[in-house]
């Protein structure tokens, strides 16, 4: 997961350099929220538009969310793998899970 996070963050940085974008936490959070909105649109497309979404639409939007989440984590020096594994342990203890 560390390698995937780095790959995702690096591609965002590379695109930013190409486009002359100065990335910061606020921009990245805004883009993450935008991508979550696009994922929500796909999730709700059947109910709201009567259109059954294709798996590829889900994959694309989940990937966009991950790219922006990785970029945001990188800005704050967060290792997503470590953070998620630690949170899983906390949840297991909190809910009496194995």
C-alpha atoms as a PDB file:
ATOM      1  CA  UNK A   1       0.000   0.000   0.000  1.00  0.00           C
ATOM      2  CA  UNK A   2       2.909   2.372   0.701  1.00  0.00           C
ATOM      3  CA  UNK A   3       4.097   1.976  -2.878  1.00  0.00           C
ATOM      4  CA  UNK A   4       0.598   2.560  -4.232  1.00  0.00           C
ATOM      5  CA  UNK A   5       0.183   5.680  -2.077  1.00  0.00           C
ATOM      6  CA  UNK A   6       3.521   7.017  -3.344  1.00  0.00           C
ATOM      7  CA  UNK A   7       2.671   6.198  -6.962  1.00  0.00           C
ATOM      8  CA  UNK A   8      -0.712   7.946  -6.624  1.00  0.00           C
ATOM      9  CA  UNK A   9       0.752  11.006  -4.923  1.00  0.00           C
ATOM     10  CA  UNK A  10       3.623  11.223  -7.407  1.00  0.00           C
ATOM     11  CA  UNK A  11       1.331  11.188 -10.456  1.00  0.00           C
ATOM     12  CA  UNK A  12      -0.744  14.001  -8.964  1.00  0.00           C
ATOM     13  CA  UNK A  13       2.463  15.996  -8.376  1.00  0.00           C
ATOM     14  CA  UNK A  14       3.636  15.305 -11.919  1.00  0.00           C
ATOM     15  CA  UNK A  15       0.345  16.507 -13.402  1.00  0.00           C
ATOM     16  CA  UNK A  16       0.480  19.591 -11.163  1.00  0.00           C
ATOM     17  CA  UNK A  17       3.989  20.418 -12.414  1.00  0.00           C
ATOM     18  CA  UNK A  18       2.855  20.016 -16.021  1.00  0.00           C
ATOM     19  CA  UNK A  19      -0.146  22.284 -15.466  1.00  0.00           C
ATOM     20  CA  UNK A  20       1.681  24.782 -13.239  1.00  0.00           C
ATOM     21  CA  UNK A  21      -0.599  24.069 -10.267  1.00  0.00           C
ATOM     22  CA  UNK A  22       0.610  24.940  -6.767  1.00  0.00           C
ATOM     23  CA  UNK A  23      -0.928  22.187  -4.648  1.00  0.00           C
ATOM     24  CA  UNK A  24      -1.731  22.687  -0.989  1.00  0.00           C
ATOM     25  CA  UNK A  25      -4.005  20.996   1.543  1.00  0.00           C
ATOM     26  CA  UNK A  26      -6.988  23.225   0.741  1.00  0.00           C
ATOM     27  CA  UNK A  27      -6.868  22.548  -3.002  1.00  0.00           C
ATOM     28  CA  UNK A  28      -6.374  18.833  -2.432  1.00  0.00           C
ATOM     29  CA  UNK A  29      -9.224  18.603   0.065  1.00  0.00           C
ATOM     30  CA  UNK A  30     -11.477  20.473  -2.367  1.00  0.00           C
ATOM     31  CA  UNK A  31     -10.561  18.045  -5.132  1.00  0.00           C
ATOM     32  CA  UNK A  32     -11.128  15.074  -2.812  1.00  0.00           C
ATOM     33  CA  UNK A  33     -14.609  16.392  -1.991  1.00  0.00           C
ATOM     34  CA  UNK A  34     -15.272  16.919  -5.701  1.00  0.00           C
ATOM     35  CA  UNK A  35     -14.246  13.332  -6.455  1.00  0.00           C
ATOM     36  CA  UNK A  36     -16.416  12.031  -3.594  1.00  0.00           C
ATOM     37  CA  UNK A  37     -19.309  13.932  -5.169  1.00  0.00           C
ATOM     38  CA  UNK A  38     -18.629  12.245  -8.493  1.00  0.00           C
ATOM     39  CA  UNK A  39     -18.569   8.859  -6.749  1.00  0.00           C
ATOM     40  CA  UNK A  40     -21.870   9.733  -5.058  1.00  0.00           C
ATOM     41  CA  UNK A  41     -23.339  10.586  -8.471  1.00  0.00           C
ATOM     42  CA  UNK A  42     -22.409   7.122  -9.758  1.00  0.00           C
ATOM     43  CA  UNK A  43     -23.700   5.398  -6.603  1.00  0.00           C
ATOM     44  CA  UNK A  44     -27.017   7.244  -6.880  1.00  0.00           C
ATOM     45  CA  UNK A  45     -27.384   7.085 -10.663  1.00  0.00           C
ATOM     46  CA  UNK A  46     -29.802   4.153 -10.656  1.00  0.00           C
ATOM     47  CA  UNK A  47     -32.048   5.612  -7.981  1.00  0.00           C
ATOM     48  CA  UNK A  48     -32.004   9.191  -9.244  1.00  0.00           C
ATOM     49  CA  UNK A  49     -31.569   8.794 -12.998  1.00  0.00           C
ATOM     50  CA  UNK A  50     -32.785   5.259 -13.683  1.00  0.00           C
ATOM     51  CA  UNK A  51     -29.358   4.402 -15.091  1.00  0.00           C
ATOM     52  CA  UNK A  52     -27.493   1.329 -13.882  1.00  0.00           C
ATOM     53  CA  UNK A  53     -23.830   2.348 -13.537  1.00  0.00           C
ATOM     54  CA  UNK A  54     -21.132   0.252 -15.124  1.00  0.00           C
ATOM     55  CA  UNK A  55     -18.408  -1.264 -12.955  1.00  0.00           C
ATOM     56  CA  UNK A  56     -15.860   0.842 -14.849  1.00  0.00           C
ATOM     57  CA  UNK A  57     -17.594   4.031 -13.675  1.00  0.00           C
ATOM     58  CA  UNK A  58     -17.238   2.911 -10.057  1.00  0.00           C
ATOM     59  CA  UNK A  59     -13.611   1.937 -10.590  1.00  0.00           C
ATOM     60  CA  UNK A  60     -12.745   5.297 -12.134  1.00  0.00           C
ATOM     61  CA  UNK A  61     -14.365   7.298  -9.345  1.00  0.00           C
ATOM     62  CA  UNK A  62     -12.899   5.146  -6.550  1.00  0.00           C
ATOM     63  CA  UNK A  63      -9.481   5.582  -8.188  1.00  0.00           C
ATOM     64  CA  UNK A  64      -9.935   9.374  -8.353  1.00  0.00           C
ATOM     65  CA  UNK A  65     -10.842   9.440  -4.659  1.00  0.00           C
ATOM     66  CA  UNK A  66      -7.768   7.367  -3.810  1.00  0.00           C
ATOM     67  CA  UNK A  67      -5.479   9.627  -5.862  1.00  0.00           C
ATOM     68  CA  UNK A  68      -6.656  12.748  -4.047  1.00  0.00           C
ATOM     69  CA  UNK A  69      -6.660  11.020  -0.642  1.00  0.00           C
ATOM     70  CA  UNK A  70      -3.093   9.874  -1.250  1.00  0.00           C
ATOM     71  CA  UNK A  71      -2.022  13.370  -2.279  1.00  0.00           C
ATOM     72  CA  UNK A  72      -3.623  14.850   0.849  1.00  0.00           C
ATOM     73  CA  UNK A  73      -2.015  12.245   3.108  1.00  0.00           C
ATOM     74  CA  UNK A  74       1.340  12.982   1.488  1.00  0.00           C
ATOM     75  CA  UNK A  75       0.984  16.707   2.206  1.00  0.00           C
ATOM     76  CA  UNK A  76       0.609  15.910   5.914  1.00  0.00           C
ATOM     77  CA  UNK A  77       3.236  13.136   5.935  1.00  0.00           C
ATOM     78  CA  UNK A  78       0.669  10.439   6.688  1.00  0.00           C
ATOM     79  CA  UNK A  79       1.384   6.793   5.892  1.00  0.00           C
ATOM     80  CA  UNK A  80      -2.103   5.557   4.955  1.00  0.00           C
ATOM     81  CA  UNK A  81      -1.192   1.903   5.401  1.00  0.00           C
ATOM     82  CA  UNK A  82       0.062   2.500   8.950  1.00  0.00           C
ATOM     83  CA  UNK A  83      -2.861   4.754   9.829  1.00  0.00           C
ATOM     84  CA  UNK A  84      -5.480   2.304   8.543  1.00  0.00           C
ATOM     85  CA  UNK A  85      -3.887  -0.714  10.231  1.00  0.00           C
ATOM     86  CA  UNK A  86      -3.693   1.150  13.539  1.00  0.00           C
ATOM     87  CA  UNK A  87      -7.329   2.220  13.215  1.00  0.00           C
ATOM     88  CA  UNK A  88      -8.396  -1.358  12.468  1.00  0.00           C
ATOM     89  CA  UNK A  89      -6.754  -2.487  15.719  1.00  0.00           C
ATOM     90  CA  UNK A  90      -8.531   0.278  17.643  1.00  0.00           C
ATOM     91  CA  UNK A  91     -11.876  -0.740  16.115  1.00  0.00           C
ATOM     92  CA  UNK A  92     -11.288  -4.409  16.889  1.00  0.00           C
ATOM     93  CA  UNK A  93     -10.651  -3.609  20.549  1.00  0.00           C
ATOM     94  CA  UNK A  94     -13.526  -1.149  20.753  1.00  0.00           C
ATOM     95  CA  UNK A  95     -16.012  -3.635  19.296  1.00  0.00           C
ATOM     96  CA  UNK A  96     -14.604  -6.851  20.749  1.00  0.00           C
ATOM     97  CA  UNK A  97     -13.554  -8.272  17.390  1.00  0.00           C
ATOM     98  CA  UNK A  98     -10.678 -10.635  16.601  1.00  0.00           C
END
